Amino acid sequence: MTVQSNPTKPAARPVRIAFIGAGVMGAPMIRNLHKAGLPVVATDARPEAVADLAAEGIAIAADAAQAVEGADFVITMLPDTPNVRAVLFGKGGIGAALKSGTVVVDMSTISASAVREMAEGLAARGVALLDAPVSGGMKGAIAGTLSIMVGGDAAAFDRALPVLEAMGTTIRRVGESGMGQVFKMCNQLMAASHIQAMCEAFSLCRAFDGDLALLREVLMGGAAGSWMLENLGPQVLANDTSAGFRIDLHLKDLRLAGEAAFEKGLPLTGLALATSLYLEARAHGEGGNGNQALFRTIERMTNQER
């Protein structure tokens, strides 16, 4: 008797990813998806933002609507809540064009309550929304070592995990829709407080003519060691305000945390102080500088300006 072999099963179609937002964080994340061999189409409202990506062989779409045609995953990395809402539900928004079964992964830092509202709107169309804000800064985005905090449906998270693994190393589903944003607010609250503490410590040491480079080295080996001290401390010592993550963006994150705290009636005094210091920095024209530029606020307050 002749045994007939089963016909060869056709290879699965590779997932198609649309990435909307090619800024300081988005561009290196797009590159890492491309390096991982994942079919990604990038777009940004500013054509110049995707010019280098196009030169590297990455597919570019003229706009968000074109980018999401046939997409299995749509990733957004945008400045604030109104930007994400406009892309998904505004005039010409992509929400209505997404096929059922698409997973939208918003990696911006936005309002948790807005995330839940938008997730409900997309779910009615058979589309899942994961909120997946990141930590690790531009260095982490370039290296593909971001920490990614994900809120939303567990099954959608499982589907998206191989995509997220191309951009980060610490990837956790932290709860239902909006909880990723809550975790990110907590991260940004602590980050701002750590920067403030570092700058104040440098100020105190400088007042006694101490060696600030040596101070940093010593503190790194003890309980005061932190990511901020390691990565932004050298820039503070060098009077370097170049932007990785801007004062304006961190202030936006602190605003979101403040709104969430107000919603729950929480008197978070450290958050209020950090927000005031960041507002002082922006009032002195530091908004476009890196968030380590908070050291200039402390220097102004302590009469130690360089």
C-alpha atoms as a PDB file:
ATOM      1  CA  MET A   1       0.000   0.000   0.000  1.00  0.00           C
ATOM      2  CA  THR A   2       1.310   3.392  -0.929  1.00  0.00           C
ATOM      3  CA  VAL A   3       1.267   5.991   1.827  1.00  0.00           C
ATOM      4  CA  GLN A   4       0.654   9.446   0.493  1.00  0.00           C
ATOM      5  CA  SER A   5       2.535  12.157   2.340  1.00  0.00           C
ATOM      6  CA  ASN A   6       0.682  15.249   3.534  1.00  0.00           C
ATOM      7  CA  PRO A   7       1.060  18.271   1.275  1.00  0.00           C
ATOM      8  CA  THR A   8       3.573  20.800   2.486  1.00  0.00           C
ATOM      9  CA  LYS A   9       1.917  23.311   4.759  1.00  0.00           C
ATOM     10  CA  PRO A  10       2.383  26.849   3.410  1.00  0.00           C
ATOM     11  CA  ALA A  11       4.737  29.018   5.438  1.00  0.00           C
ATOM     12  CA  ALA A  12       3.039  31.445   7.756  1.00  0.00           C
ATOM     13  CA  ARG A  13       2.877  34.992   6.497  1.00  0.00           C
ATOM     14  CA  PRO A  14       5.296  37.210   8.434  1.00  0.00           C
ATOM     15  CA  VAL A  15       3.606  39.734  10.652  1.00  0.00           C
ATOM     16  CA  ARG A  16       3.400  43.258   9.328  1.00  0.00           C
ATOM     17  CA  ILE A  17       4.155  46.126  11.693  1.00  0.00           C
ATOM     18  CA  ALA A  18       3.261  49.789  11.249  1.00  0.00           C
ATOM     19  CA  PHE A  19       5.235  52.198  13.424  1.00  0.00           C
ATOM     20  CA  ILE A  20       3.908  55.735  13.860  1.00  0.00           C
ATOM     21  CA  GLY A  21       6.344  58.249  15.377  1.00  0.00           C
ATOM     22  CA  ALA A  22      10.035  58.320  14.473  1.00  0.00           C
ATOM     23  CA  GLY A  23      11.380  60.739  17.045  1.00  0.00           C
ATOM     24  CA  VAL A  24      14.342  60.431  19.416  1.00  0.00           C
ATOM     25  CA  MET A  25      12.938  57.215  20.896  1.00  0.00           C
ATOM     26  CA  GLY A  26      10.885  55.930  17.983  1.00  0.00           C
ATOM     27  CA  ALA A  27      13.619  55.948  15.330  1.00  0.00           C
ATOM     28  CA  PRO A  28      16.021  53.585  17.151  1.00  0.00           C
ATOM     29  CA  MET A  29      13.106  51.325  18.091  1.00  0.00           C
ATOM     30  CA  ILE A  30      12.170  51.099  14.408  1.00  0.00           C
ATOM     31  CA  ARG A  31      15.772  50.242  13.587  1.00  0.00           C
ATOM     32  CA  ASN A  32      15.763  47.409  16.119  1.00  0.00           C
ATOM     33  CA  LEU A  33      12.577  45.940  14.668  1.00  0.00           C
ATOM     34  CA  HIS A  34      14.188  46.079  11.227  1.00  0.00           C
ATOM     35  CA  LYS A  35      17.409  44.467  12.520  1.00  0.00           C
ATOM     36  CA  ALA A  36      15.342  41.665  14.040  1.00  0.00           C
ATOM     37  CA  GLY A  37      13.999  40.872  10.579  1.00  0.00           C
ATOM     38  CA  LEU A  38      10.459  42.039  11.319  1.00  0.00           C
ATOM     39  CA  PRO A  39       8.649  43.710   8.402  1.00  0.00           C
ATOM     40  CA  VAL A  40       8.117  47.278   9.623  1.00  0.00           C
ATOM     41  CA  VAL A  41       6.698  50.313   7.835  1.00  0.00           C
ATOM     42  CA  ALA A  42       7.500  53.627   9.502  1.00  0.00           C
ATOM     43  CA  THR A  43       5.866  57.022   9.273  1.00  0.00           C
ATOM     44  CA  ASP A  44       6.076  60.385  11.003  1.00  0.00           C
ATOM     45  CA  ALA A  45       4.271  63.689  10.599  1.00  0.00           C
ATOM     46  CA  ARG A  46       7.682  65.208   9.849  1.00  0.00           C
ATOM     47  CA  PRO A  47       9.135  63.761   6.625  1.00  0.00           C
ATOM     48  CA  GLU A  48      12.671  64.652   7.723  1.00  0.00           C
ATOM     49  CA  ALA A  49      12.296  62.323  10.722  1.00  0.00           C
ATOM     50  CA  VAL A  50      12.179  59.240   8.491  1.00  0.00           C
ATOM     51  CA  ALA A  51      14.753  60.282   5.884  1.00  0.00           C
ATOM     52  CA  ASP A  52      17.626  58.396   7.541  1.00  0.00           C
ATOM     53  CA  LEU A  53      15.443  55.331   8.059  1.00  0.00           C
ATOM     54  CA  ALA A  54      14.592  55.263   4.366  1.00  0.00           C
ATOM     55  CA  ALA A  55      18.285  55.470   3.499  1.00  0.00           C
ATOM     56  CA  GLU A  56      18.843  52.379   5.672  1.00  0.00           C
ATOM     57  CA  GLY A  57      16.344  50.354   3.661  1.00  0.00           C
ATOM     58  CA  ILE A  58      13.382  50.653   6.022  1.00  0.00           C
ATOM     59  CA  ALA A  59       9.987  50.972   4.349  1.00  0.00           C
ATOM     60  CA  ILE A  60       8.403  54.398   4.750  1.00  0.00           C
ATOM     61  CA  ALA A  61       4.739  55.333   4.367  1.00  0.00           C
ATOM     62  CA  ALA A  62       3.523  58.781   3.413  1.00  0.00           C
ATOM     63  CA  ASP A  63       1.111  58.898   6.334  1.00  0.00           C
ATOM     64  CA  ALA A  64      -0.407  56.818   9.118  1.00  0.00           C
ATOM     65  CA  ALA A  65      -3.313  55.606   6.983  1.00  0.00           C
ATOM     66  CA  GLN A  66      -0.941  54.196   4.396  1.00  0.00           C
ATOM     67  CA  ALA A  67       1.324  52.687   7.052  1.00  0.00           C
ATOM     68  CA  VAL A  68      -1.424  50.624   8.697  1.00  0.00           C
ATOM     69  CA  GLU A  69      -2.788  49.024   5.520  1.00  0.00           C
ATOM     70  CA  GLY A  70      -2.875  45.297   6.260  1.00  0.00           C
ATOM     71  CA  ALA A  71      -0.924  45.720   9.515  1.00  0.00           C
ATOM     72  CA  ASP A  72      -1.099  43.031  12.197  1.00  0.00           C
ATOM     73  CA  PHE A  73       0.504  45.318  14.769  1.00  0.00           C
ATOM     74  CA  VAL A  74       0.421  49.095  14.956  1.00  0.00           C
ATOM     75  CA  ILE A  75       2.946  50.749  17.265  1.00  0.00           C
ATOM     76  CA  THR A  76       2.597  54.390  18.242  1.00  0.00           C
ATOM     77  CA  MET A  77       5.332  56.435  19.926  1.00  0.00           C
ATOM     78  CA  LEU A  78       3.966  59.966  20.232  1.00  0.00           C
ATOM     79  CA  PRO A  79       4.427  62.975  22.540  1.00  0.00           C
ATOM     80  CA  ASP A  80       1.154  63.141  24.501  1.00  0.00           C
ATOM     81  CA  THR A  81      -2.448  61.976  24.897  1.00  0.00           C
ATOM     82  CA  PRO A  82      -3.962  64.324  22.267  1.00  0.00           C
ATOM     83  CA  ASN A  83      -1.494  63.058  19.648  1.00  0.00           C
ATOM     84  CA  VAL A  84      -2.420  59.417  20.238  1.00  0.00           C
ATOM     85  CA  ARG A  85      -6.138  60.203  20.308  1.00  0.00           C
ATOM     86  CA  ALA A  86      -5.859  62.146  17.046  1.00  0.00           C
ATOM     87  CA  VAL A  87      -4.022  59.309  15.283  1.00  0.00           C
ATOM     88  CA  LEU A  88      -6.562  56.729  16.421  1.00  0.00           C
ATOM     89  CA  PHE A  89      -9.852  58.645  16.410  1.00  0.00           C
ATOM     90  CA  GLY A  90      -9.320  62.120  14.964  1.00  0.00           C
ATOM     91  CA  LYS A  91     -10.196  63.345  11.494  1.00  0.00           C
ATOM     92  CA  GLY A  92      -8.596  60.841   9.170  1.00  0.00           C
ATOM     93  CA  GLY A  93      -7.679  58.662  12.170  1.00  0.00           C
ATOM     94  CA  ILE A  94      -6.639  55.066  11.612  1.00  0.00           C
ATOM     95  CA  GLY A  95      -8.997  53.383  14.087  1.00  0.00           C
ATOM     96  CA  ALA A  96     -11.778  52.759  11.580  1.00  0.00           C
ATOM     97  CA  ALA A  97      -9.313  51.422   8.994  1.00  0.00           C
ATOM     98  CA  LEU A  98      -7.782  48.721  11.206  1.00  0.00           C
ATOM     99  CA  LYS A  99      -8.804  45.157  10.483  1.00  0.00           C
ATOM    100  CA  SER A 100     -10.354  43.063  13.217  1.00  0.00           C
ATOM    101  CA  GLY A 101      -7.638  41.215  15.137  1.00  0.00           C
ATOM    102  CA  THR A 102      -5.074  44.010  14.876  1.00  0.00           C
ATOM    103  CA  VAL A 103      -3.125  44.797  18.037  1.00  0.00           C
ATOM    104  CA  VAL A 104      -2.301  48.452  18.654  1.00  0.00           C
ATOM    105  CA  VAL A 105       0.671  48.931  20.979  1.00  0.00           C
ATOM    106  CA  ASP A 106       0.915  52.491  22.245  1.00  0.00           C
ATOM    107  CA  MET A 107       4.409  53.011  23.653  1.00  0.00           C
ATOM    108  CA  SER A 108       3.873  56.702  24.409  1.00  0.00           C
ATOM    109  CA  THR A 109       3.466  58.033  27.938  1.00  0.00           C
ATOM    110  CA  ILE A 110      -0.109  59.270  28.178  1.00  0.00           C
ATOM    111  CA  SER A 111      -3.131  59.411  30.479  1.00  0.00           C
ATOM    112  CA  ALA A 112      -4.165  56.069  31.985  1.00  0.00           C
ATOM    113  CA  SER A 113      -7.861  57.002  31.928  1.00  0.00           C
ATOM    114  CA  ALA A 114      -7.573  58.002  28.262  1.00  0.00           C
ATOM    115  CA  VAL A 115      -5.991  54.631  27.503  1.00  0.00           C
ATOM    116  CA  ARG A 116      -8.949  52.800  29.006  1.00  0.00           C
ATOM    117  CA  GLU A 117     -11.391  54.938  27.032  1.00  0.00           C
ATOM    118  CA  MET A 118      -9.535  54.396  23.741  1.00  0.00           C
ATOM    119  CA  ALA A 119      -9.190  50.663  24.426  1.00  0.00           C
ATOM    120  CA  GLU A 120     -12.983  50.392  24.735  1.00  0.00           C
ATOM    121  CA  GLY A 121     -13.454  52.267  21.482  1.00  0.00           C
ATOM    122  CA  LEU A 122     -11.069  49.992  19.595  1.00  0.00           C
ATOM    123  CA  ALA A 123     -12.405  46.815  21.206  1.00  0.00           C
ATOM    124  CA  ALA A 124     -15.807  47.587  19.689  1.00  0.00           C
ATOM    125  CA  ARG A 125     -14.082  47.212  16.306  1.00  0.00           C
ATOM    126  CA  GLY A 126     -12.297  43.986  17.206  1.00  0.00           C
ATOM    127  CA  VAL A 127      -8.959  45.740  17.796  1.00  0.00           C
ATOM    128  CA  ALA A 128      -6.923  45.340  20.999  1.00  0.00           C
ATOM    129  CA  LEU A 129      -5.017  48.242  22.528  1.00  0.00           C
ATOM    130  CA  LEU A 130      -2.000  47.639  24.756  1.00  0.00           C
ATOM    131  CA  ASP A 131      -0.463  50.549  26.641  1.00  0.00           C
ATOM    132  CA  ALA A 132       3.259  49.833  26.717  1.00  0.00           C
ATOM    133  CA  PRO A 133       5.282  52.857  27.882  1.00  0.00           C
ATOM    134  CA  VAL A 134       9.029  52.431  28.180  1.00  0.00           C
ATOM    135  CA  SER A 135      11.927  53.335  30.433  1.00  0.00           C
ATOM    136  CA  GLY A 136      15.621  53.373  29.630  1.00  0.00           C
ATOM    137  CA  GLY A 137      15.938  56.569  27.647  1.00  0.00           C
ATOM    138  CA  MET A 138      17.574  57.056  24.286  1.00  0.00           C
ATOM    139  CA  LYS A 139      20.447  54.735  25.265  1.00  0.00           C
ATOM    140  CA  GLY A 140      18.026  51.929  25.983  1.00  0.00           C
ATOM    141  CA  ALA A 141      16.118  52.585  22.770  1.00  0.00           C
ATOM    142  CA  ILE A 142      19.318  52.391  20.727  1.00  0.00           C
ATOM    143  CA  ALA A 143      20.612  49.282  22.500  1.00  0.00           C
ATOM    144  CA  GLY A 144      17.240  47.531  22.449  1.00  0.00           C
ATOM    145  CA  THR A 145      17.304  47.174  26.233  1.00  0.00           C
ATOM    146  CA  LEU A 146      14.210  49.148  27.166  1.00  0.00           C
ATOM    147  CA  SER A 147      12.030  48.264  30.126  1.00  0.00           C
ATOM    148  CA  ILE A 148       8.497  47.916  28.777  1.00  0.00           C
ATOM    149  CA  MET A 149       5.480  48.104  31.110  1.00  0.00           C
ATOM    150  CA  VAL A 150       2.390  46.692  29.434  1.00  0.00           C
ATOM    151  CA  GLY A 151      -1.266  47.046  30.346  1.00  0.00           C
ATOM    152  CA  GLY A 152      -4.103  45.324  28.548  1.00  0.00           C
ATOM    153  CA  ASP A 153      -5.492  41.992  27.415  1.00  0.00           C
ATOM    154  CA  ALA A 154      -3.291  38.988  28.256  1.00  0.00           C
ATOM    155  CA  ALA A 155      -3.858  37.248  24.912  1.00  0.00           C
ATOM    156  CA  ALA A 156      -2.957  40.412  22.993  1.00  0.00           C
ATOM    157  CA  PHE A 157       0.173  40.745  25.130  1.00  0.00           C
ATOM    158  CA  ASP A 158       1.219  37.182  24.301  1.00  0.00           C
ATOM    159  CA  ARG A 159       0.805  37.915  20.601  1.00  0.00           C
ATOM    160  CA  ALA A 160       2.794  41.138  20.842  1.00  0.00           C
ATOM    161  CA  LEU A 161       5.614  39.770  22.995  1.00  0.00           C
ATOM    162  CA  PRO A 162       7.892  38.646  20.104  1.00  0.00           C
ATOM    163  CA  VAL A 163       7.602  42.161  18.653  1.00  0.00           C
ATOM    164  CA  LEU A 164       8.335  43.833  21.979  1.00  0.00           C
ATOM    165  CA  GLU A 165      11.366  41.594  22.524  1.00  0.00           C
ATOM    166  CA  ALA A 166      13.062  43.284  19.553  1.00  0.00           C
ATOM    167  CA  MET A 167      13.016  46.564  21.485  1.00  0.00           C
ATOM    168  CA  GLY A 168      13.383  45.670  25.161  1.00  0.00           C
ATOM    169  CA  THR A 169      14.792  43.195  27.637  1.00  0.00           C
ATOM    170  CA  THR A 170      12.559  43.732  30.674  1.00  0.00           C
ATOM    171  CA  ILE A 171       9.014  43.250  29.408  1.00  0.00           C
ATOM    172  CA  ARG A 172       6.173  42.696  31.840  1.00  0.00           C
ATOM    173  CA  ARG A 173       2.419  42.697  31.607  1.00  0.00           C
ATOM    174  CA  VAL A 174       1.568  44.690  34.725  1.00  0.00           C
ATOM    175  CA  GLY A 175      -2.220  44.573  34.654  1.00  0.00           C
ATOM    176  CA  GLU A 176      -5.286  45.554  32.708  1.00  0.00           C
ATOM    177  CA  SER A 177      -5.665  48.493  30.338  1.00  0.00           C
ATOM    178  CA  GLY A 178      -4.039  51.682  31.656  1.00  0.00           C
ATOM    179  CA  MET A 179      -1.858  49.981  34.260  1.00  0.00           C
ATOM    180  CA  GLY A 180       1.234  50.261  32.054  1.00  0.00           C
ATOM    181  CA  GLN A 181       0.798  54.023  32.239  1.00  0.00           C
ATOM    182  CA  VAL A 182       0.407  53.917  36.019  1.00  0.00           C
ATOM    183  CA  PHE A 183       3.710  52.041  36.312  1.00  0.00           C
ATOM    184  CA  LYS A 184       5.374  54.568  34.004  1.00  0.00           C
ATOM    185  CA  MET A 185       4.085  57.485  36.106  1.00  0.00           C
ATOM    186  CA  CYS A 186       5.654  55.847  39.160  1.00  0.00           C
ATOM    187  CA  ASN A 187       8.904  55.474  37.232  1.00  0.00           C
ATOM    188  CA  GLN A 188       8.934  59.124  36.178  1.00  0.00           C
ATOM    189  CA  LEU A 189       8.097  60.364  39.663  1.00  0.00           C
ATOM    190  CA  MET A 190      11.078  58.473  41.078  1.00  0.00           C
ATOM    191  CA  ALA A 191      13.365  59.451  38.201  1.00  0.00           C
ATOM    192  CA  ALA A 192      12.680  63.152  38.744  1.00  0.00           C
ATOM    193  CA  SER A 193      13.286  62.799  42.476  1.00  0.00           C
ATOM    194  CA  HIS A 194      16.559  60.948  41.821  1.00  0.00           C
ATOM    195  CA  ILE A 195      17.759  63.701  39.483  1.00  0.00           C
ATOM    196  CA  GLN A 196      16.844  66.329  42.055  1.00  0.00           C
ATOM    197  CA  ALA A 197      18.673  64.451  44.829  1.00  0.00           C
ATOM    198  CA  MET A 198      21.771  64.012  42.649  1.00  0.00           C
ATOM    199  CA  CYS A 199      21.899  67.693  41.739  1.00  0.00           C
ATOM    200  CA  GLU A 200      21.437  68.761  45.360  1.00  0.00           C
ATOM    201  CA  ALA A 201      24.214  66.410  46.489  1.00  0.00           C
ATOM    202  CA  PHE A 202      26.552  67.886  43.868  1.00  0.00           C
ATOM    203  CA  SER A 203      25.584  71.366  45.041  1.00  0.00           C
ATOM    204  CA  LEU A 204      26.372  70.571  48.665  1.00  0.00           C
ATOM    205  CA  CYS A 205      29.741  69.066  47.754  1.00  0.00           C
ATOM    206  CA  ARG A 206      30.597  72.014  45.494  1.00  0.00           C
ATOM    207  CA  ALA A 207      29.858  74.448  48.335  1.00  0.00           C
ATOM    208  CA  PHE A 208      32.744  72.834  50.248  1.00  0.00           C
ATOM    209  CA  ASP A 209      35.015  72.779  47.163  1.00  0.00           C
ATOM    210  CA  GLY A 210      34.726  69.002  46.994  1.00  0.00           C
ATOM    211  CA  ASP A 211      35.786  66.851  44.041  1.00  0.00           C
ATOM    212  CA  LEU A 212      32.474  66.153  42.292  1.00  0.00           C
ATOM    213  CA  ALA A 213      33.844  63.428  40.027  1.00  0.00           C
ATOM    214  CA  LEU A 214      35.196  61.646  43.072  1.00  0.00           C
ATOM    215  CA  LEU A 215      31.888  62.151  44.875  1.00  0.00           C
ATOM    216  CA  ARG A 216      30.043  60.477  42.022  1.00  0.00           C
ATOM    217  CA  GLU A 217      32.510  57.575  42.004  1.00  0.00           C
ATOM    218  CA  VAL A 218      32.141  57.023  45.733  1.00  0.00           C
ATOM    219  CA  LEU A 219      28.345  57.336  45.738  1.00  0.00           C
ATOM    220  CA  MET A 220      28.043  54.868  42.873  1.00  0.00           C
ATOM    221  CA  GLY A 221      29.458  52.183  45.165  1.00  0.00           C
ATOM    222  CA  GLY A 222      26.991  52.760  47.984  1.00  0.00           C
ATOM    223  CA  ALA A 223      23.303  53.048  48.786  1.00  0.00           C
ATOM    224  CA  ALA A 224      23.009  56.340  46.861  1.00  0.00           C
ATOM    225  CA  GLY A 225      23.992  54.713  43.573  1.00  0.00           C
ATOM    226  CA  SER A 226      21.353  55.060  40.856  1.00  0.00           C
ATOM    227  CA  TRP A 227      20.760  54.910  37.105  1.00  0.00           C
ATOM    228  CA  MET A 228      20.650  58.704  37.070  1.00  0.00           C
ATOM    229  CA  LEU A 229      23.967  59.041  38.883  1.00  0.00           C
ATOM    230  CA  GLU A 230      25.599  56.569  36.498  1.00  0.00           C
ATOM    231  CA  ASN A 231      24.172  57.818  33.219  1.00  0.00           C
ATOM    232  CA  LEU A 232      23.375  61.509  33.728  1.00  0.00           C
ATOM    233  CA  GLY A 233      25.883  62.353  36.446  1.00  0.00           C
ATOM    234  CA  PRO A 234      28.759  62.787  33.947  1.00  0.00           C
ATOM    235  CA  GLN A 235      26.641  65.210  31.890  1.00  0.00           C
ATOM    236  CA  VAL A 236      25.826  67.278  34.962  1.00  0.00           C
ATOM    237  CA  LEU A 237      29.521  67.448  35.893  1.00  0.00           C
ATOM    238  CA  ALA A 238      30.397  68.461  32.325  1.00  0.00           C
ATOM    239  CA  ASN A 239      27.705  71.183  32.278  1.00  0.00           C
ATOM    240  CA  ASP A 240      26.187  69.283  29.353  1.00  0.00           C
ATOM    241  CA  THR A 241      22.472  69.924  28.808  1.00  0.00           C
ATOM    242  CA  SER A 242      22.153  68.075  25.484  1.00  0.00           C
ATOM    243  CA  ALA A 243      18.794  66.400  25.076  1.00  0.00           C
ATOM    244  CA  GLY A 244      18.232  62.713  25.326  1.00  0.00           C
ATOM    245  CA  PHE A 245      14.918  62.958  27.149  1.00  0.00           C
ATOM    246  CA  ARG A 246      13.782  66.579  27.282  1.00  0.00           C
ATOM    247  CA  ILE A 247      12.724  68.629  30.304  1.00  0.00           C
ATOM    248  CA  ASP A 248       9.413  69.355  28.536  1.00  0.00           C
ATOM    249  CA  LEU A 249       8.643  65.659  28.104  1.00  0.00           C
ATOM    250  CA  HIS A 250       9.520  64.775  31.685  1.00  0.00           C
ATOM    251  CA  LEU A 251       7.375  67.665  32.867  1.00  0.00           C
ATOM    252  CA  LYS A 252       4.493  66.281  30.808  1.00  0.00           C
ATOM    253  CA  ASP A 253       4.952  62.922  32.545  1.00  0.00           C
ATOM    254  CA  LEU A 254       4.952  64.601  35.955  1.00  0.00           C
ATOM    255  CA  ARG A 255       1.764  66.429  34.978  1.00  0.00           C
ATOM    256  CA  LEU A 256       0.129  63.088  34.159  1.00  0.00           C
ATOM    257  CA  ALA A 257       1.252  61.661  37.498  1.00  0.00           C
ATOM    258  CA  GLY A 258      -0.107  64.740  39.269  1.00  0.00           C
ATOM    259  CA  GLU A 259      -3.463  64.396  37.523  1.00  0.00           C
ATOM    260  CA  ALA A 260      -3.633  60.737  38.515  1.00  0.00           C
ATOM    261  CA  ALA A 261      -2.719  61.556  42.114  1.00  0.00           C
ATOM    262  CA  PHE A 262      -5.404  64.261  42.208  1.00  0.00           C
ATOM    263  CA  GLU A 263      -7.938  61.802  40.794  1.00  0.00           C
ATOM    264  CA  LYS A 264      -7.219  59.458  43.721  1.00  0.00           C
ATOM    265  CA  GLY A 265      -6.851  62.222  46.326  1.00  0.00           C
ATOM    266  CA  LEU A 266      -3.182  61.452  47.053  1.00  0.00           C
ATOM    267  CA  PRO A 267      -1.022  64.258  48.556  1.00  0.00           C
ATOM    268  CA  LEU A 268       2.298  63.290  46.944  1.00  0.00           C
ATOM    269  CA  THR A 269       4.552  66.094  48.167  1.00  0.00           C
ATOM    270  CA  GLY A 270       7.712  64.849  46.451  1.00  0.00           C
ATOM    271  CA  LEU A 271       5.876  64.811  43.123  1.00  0.00           C
ATOM    272  CA  ALA A 272       4.653  68.372  43.720  1.00  0.00           C
ATOM    273  CA  LEU A 273       8.179  69.572  44.529  1.00  0.00           C
ATOM    274  CA  ALA A 274       9.751  67.874  41.512  1.00  0.00           C
ATOM    275  CA  THR A 275       7.048  69.342  39.255  1.00  0.00           C
ATOM    276  CA  SER A 276       7.749  72.844  40.605  1.00  0.00           C
ATOM    277  CA  LEU A 277      11.480  72.482  39.967  1.00  0.00           C
ATOM    278  CA  TYR A 278      10.871  71.275  36.410  1.00  0.00           C
ATOM    279  CA  LEU A 279       8.534  74.216  35.848  1.00  0.00           C
ATOM    280  CA  GLU A 280      11.311  76.527  37.044  1.00  0.00           C
ATOM    281  CA  ALA A 281      13.658  74.933  34.527  1.00  0.00           C
ATOM    282  CA  ARG A 282      11.206  75.447  31.683  1.00  0.00           C
ATOM    283  CA  ALA A 283      10.574  79.042  32.764  1.00  0.00           C
ATOM    284  CA  HIS A 284      14.317  79.653  32.292  1.00  0.00           C
ATOM    285  CA  GLY A 285      14.314  78.264  28.760  1.00  0.00           C
ATOM    286  CA  GLU A 286      15.505  74.751  29.624  1.00  0.00           C
ATOM    287  CA  GLY A 287      12.458  72.935  28.183  1.00  0.00           C
ATOM    288  CA  GLY A 288      14.286  71.661  25.106  1.00  0.00           C
ATOM    289  CA  ASN A 289      17.328  70.504  27.076  1.00  0.00           C
ATOM    290  CA  GLY A 290      17.891  67.063  28.547  1.00  0.00           C
ATOM    291  CA  ASN A 291      16.173  66.428  31.857  1.00  0.00           C
ATOM    292  CA  GLN A 292      19.542  66.418  33.601  1.00  0.00           C
ATOM    293  CA  ALA A 293      19.415  70.203  32.966  1.00  0.00           C
ATOM    294  CA  LEU A 294      17.512  70.329  36.247  1.00  0.00           C
ATOM    295  CA  PHE A 295      20.983  70.899  37.728  1.00  0.00           C
ATOM    296  CA  ARG A 296      20.751  74.467  36.437  1.00  0.00           C
ATOM    297  CA  THR A 297      17.648  75.040  38.538  1.00  0.00           C
ATOM    298  CA  ILE A 298      19.523  73.876  41.632  1.00  0.00           C
ATOM    299  CA  GLU A 299      22.528  76.035  40.676  1.00  0.00           C
ATOM    300  CA  ARG A 300      20.309  79.101  40.316  1.00  0.00           C
ATOM    301  CA  MET A 301      18.711  78.439  43.685  1.00  0.00           C
ATOM    302  CA  THR A 302      22.089  77.959  45.401  1.00  0.00           C
ATOM    303  CA  ASN A 303      23.907  80.802  43.593  1.00  0.00           C
ATOM    304  CA  GLN A 304      26.371  78.354  42.007  1.00  0.00           C
ATOM    305  CA  GLU A 305      25.767  79.073  38.333  1.00  0.00           C
ATOM    306  CA  ARG A 306      28.690  78.232  36.081  1.00  0.00           C
END
